[in-house]
């Protein structure tokens, strides 16, 4: 299994980054000794970064929900007047 970098977001999702270390299977593939490369991705704690932000899909979903709540609040306020 090859070691890749990884980013962990505060929402719990993760994103794989580039290849850090190739395993022996991937090295053999690069040399032309194998038909297939390594298909397993693994990350080590030293190559993992935790960030205190939401991933892009969660950010977009949160913005959409916030927009809907704001519209509902405005409607409720208008009904009370």
C-alpha atoms as a PDB file:
ATOM      1  CA  UNK A   1       0.000   0.000   0.000  1.00  0.00           C
ATOM      2  CA  UNK A   2       1.223   3.450  -0.919  1.00  0.00           C
ATOM      3  CA  UNK A   3       1.382   6.323   1.556  1.00  0.00           C
ATOM      4  CA  UNK A   4      -0.537   9.433   0.575  1.00  0.00           C
ATOM      5  CA  UNK A   5      -1.080  12.757   2.262  1.00  0.00           C
ATOM      6  CA  UNK A   6      -4.526  13.386   3.679  1.00  0.00           C
ATOM      7  CA  UNK A   7      -6.565  16.324   4.938  1.00  0.00           C
ATOM      8  CA  UNK A   8      -9.224  15.779   7.619  1.00  0.00           C
ATOM      9  CA  UNK A   9     -11.960  18.406   7.799  1.00  0.00           C
ATOM     10  CA  UNK A  10     -13.986  19.407  10.853  1.00  0.00           C
ATOM     11  CA  UNK A  11     -17.123  17.919   9.268  1.00  0.00           C
ATOM     12  CA  UNK A  12     -15.529  14.467   9.363  1.00  0.00           C
ATOM     13  CA  UNK A  13     -14.842  14.181   5.648  1.00  0.00           C
ATOM     14  CA  UNK A  14     -11.345  13.710   4.300  1.00  0.00           C
ATOM     15  CA  UNK A  15      -9.475  14.448   1.099  1.00  0.00           C
ATOM     16  CA  UNK A  16      -6.551  12.502  -0.304  1.00  0.00           C
ATOM     17  CA  UNK A  17      -3.481  14.439  -1.361  1.00  0.00           C
ATOM     18  CA  UNK A  18      -0.518  13.431  -3.458  1.00  0.00           C
ATOM     19  CA  UNK A  19       1.603  10.321  -3.210  1.00  0.00           C
ATOM     20  CA  UNK A  20       4.325  10.505  -0.547  1.00  0.00           C
ATOM     21  CA  UNK A  21       5.917   7.044  -0.633  1.00  0.00           C
ATOM     22  CA  UNK A  22       5.460   4.283  -3.189  1.00  0.00           C
ATOM     23  CA  UNK A  23       5.156   0.675  -2.102  1.00  0.00           C
ATOM     24  CA  UNK A  24       7.094  -2.106  -3.812  1.00  0.00           C
ATOM     25  CA  UNK A  25       4.125  -2.930  -6.088  1.00  0.00           C
ATOM     26  CA  UNK A  26       3.886   0.630  -7.382  1.00  0.00           C
ATOM     27  CA  UNK A  27       7.653   0.830  -7.840  1.00  0.00           C
ATOM     28  CA  UNK A  28       7.558  -2.389  -9.895  1.00  0.00           C
ATOM     29  CA  UNK A  29       4.735  -0.922 -11.998  1.00  0.00           C
ATOM     30  CA  UNK A  30       6.753   2.252 -12.594  1.00  0.00           C
ATOM     31  CA  UNK A  31       9.713   0.147 -13.747  1.00  0.00           C
ATOM     32  CA  UNK A  32       7.425  -1.762 -16.143  1.00  0.00           C
ATOM     33  CA  UNK A  33       7.697  -5.073 -14.287  1.00  0.00           C
ATOM     34  CA  UNK A  34       3.968  -5.263 -13.478  1.00  0.00           C
ATOM     35  CA  UNK A  35       0.797  -4.620 -15.449  1.00  0.00           C
ATOM     36  CA  UNK A  36      -1.037  -2.950 -12.565  1.00  0.00           C
ATOM     37  CA  UNK A  37       0.029  -0.510  -9.908  1.00  0.00           C
ATOM     38  CA  UNK A  38      -0.947  -0.391  -6.278  1.00  0.00           C
ATOM     39  CA  UNK A  39      -4.644   0.183  -5.614  1.00  0.00           C
ATOM     40  CA  UNK A  40      -4.476   0.700  -1.831  1.00  0.00           C
ATOM     41  CA  UNK A  41      -4.176   4.178  -0.368  1.00  0.00           C
ATOM     42  CA  UNK A  42      -2.957   4.630   3.177  1.00  0.00           C
ATOM     43  CA  UNK A  43      -2.093   7.678   5.218  1.00  0.00           C
ATOM     44  CA  UNK A  44       0.155   8.061   8.219  1.00  0.00           C
ATOM     45  CA  UNK A  45      -0.408  10.525  11.034  1.00  0.00           C
ATOM     46  CA  UNK A  46       2.691  12.457  10.007  1.00  0.00           C
ATOM     47  CA  UNK A  47       1.189  13.006   6.548  1.00  0.00           C
ATOM     48  CA  UNK A  48      -2.304  13.876   7.807  1.00  0.00           C
ATOM     49  CA  UNK A  49      -3.406  17.451   8.373  1.00  0.00           C
ATOM     50  CA  UNK A  50      -6.478  18.346  10.427  1.00  0.00           C
ATOM     51  CA  UNK A  51      -8.136  21.625   9.514  1.00  0.00           C
ATOM     52  CA  UNK A  52     -10.916  23.405  11.369  1.00  0.00           C
ATOM     53  CA  UNK A  53     -13.016  24.124   8.276  1.00  0.00           C
ATOM     54  CA  UNK A  54     -15.785  22.296   6.456  1.00  0.00           C
ATOM     55  CA  UNK A  55     -15.082  20.530   3.185  1.00  0.00           C
ATOM     56  CA  UNK A  56     -16.377  22.179   0.018  1.00  0.00           C
ATOM     57  CA  UNK A  57     -19.595  20.103  -0.338  1.00  0.00           C
ATOM     58  CA  UNK A  58     -20.471  20.669   3.331  1.00  0.00           C
ATOM     59  CA  UNK A  59     -19.716  24.388   3.010  1.00  0.00           C
ATOM     60  CA  UNK A  60     -22.072  24.663   0.042  1.00  0.00           C
ATOM     61  CA  UNK A  61     -24.772  22.667   1.850  1.00  0.00           C
ATOM     62  CA  UNK A  62     -24.435  24.852   4.954  1.00  0.00           C
ATOM     63  CA  UNK A  63     -24.700  28.029   2.885  1.00  0.00           C
ATOM     64  CA  UNK A  64     -27.847  26.700   1.204  1.00  0.00           C
ATOM     65  CA  UNK A  65     -29.423  25.768   4.542  1.00  0.00           C
ATOM     66  CA  UNK A  66     -28.476  29.135   6.060  1.00  0.00           C
ATOM     67  CA  UNK A  67     -30.047  30.910   3.082  1.00  0.00           C
ATOM     68  CA  UNK A  68     -33.265  28.897   3.462  1.00  0.00           C
ATOM     69  CA  UNK A  69     -33.453  29.610   7.198  1.00  0.00           C
ATOM     70  CA  UNK A  70     -32.936  33.315   6.565  1.00  0.00           C
ATOM     71  CA  UNK A  71     -35.787  33.325   4.038  1.00  0.00           C
ATOM     72  CA  UNK A  72     -38.064  31.491   6.487  1.00  0.00           C
ATOM     73  CA  UNK A  73     -37.180  33.914   9.292  1.00  0.00           C
ATOM     74  CA  UNK A  74     -38.038  36.855   7.045  1.00  0.00           C
ATOM     75  CA  UNK A  75     -41.406  35.293   6.158  1.00  0.00           C
ATOM     76  CA  UNK A  76     -42.227  34.679   9.820  1.00  0.00           C
ATOM     77  CA  UNK A  77     -41.242  38.249  10.674  1.00  0.00           C
ATOM     78  CA  UNK A  78     -43.448  39.574   7.859  1.00  0.00           C
ATOM     79  CA  UNK A  79     -46.405  37.504   9.100  1.00  0.00           C
ATOM     80  CA  UNK A  80     -46.036  38.859  12.633  1.00  0.00           C
ATOM     81  CA  UNK A  81     -46.196  42.462  11.447  1.00  0.00           C
END
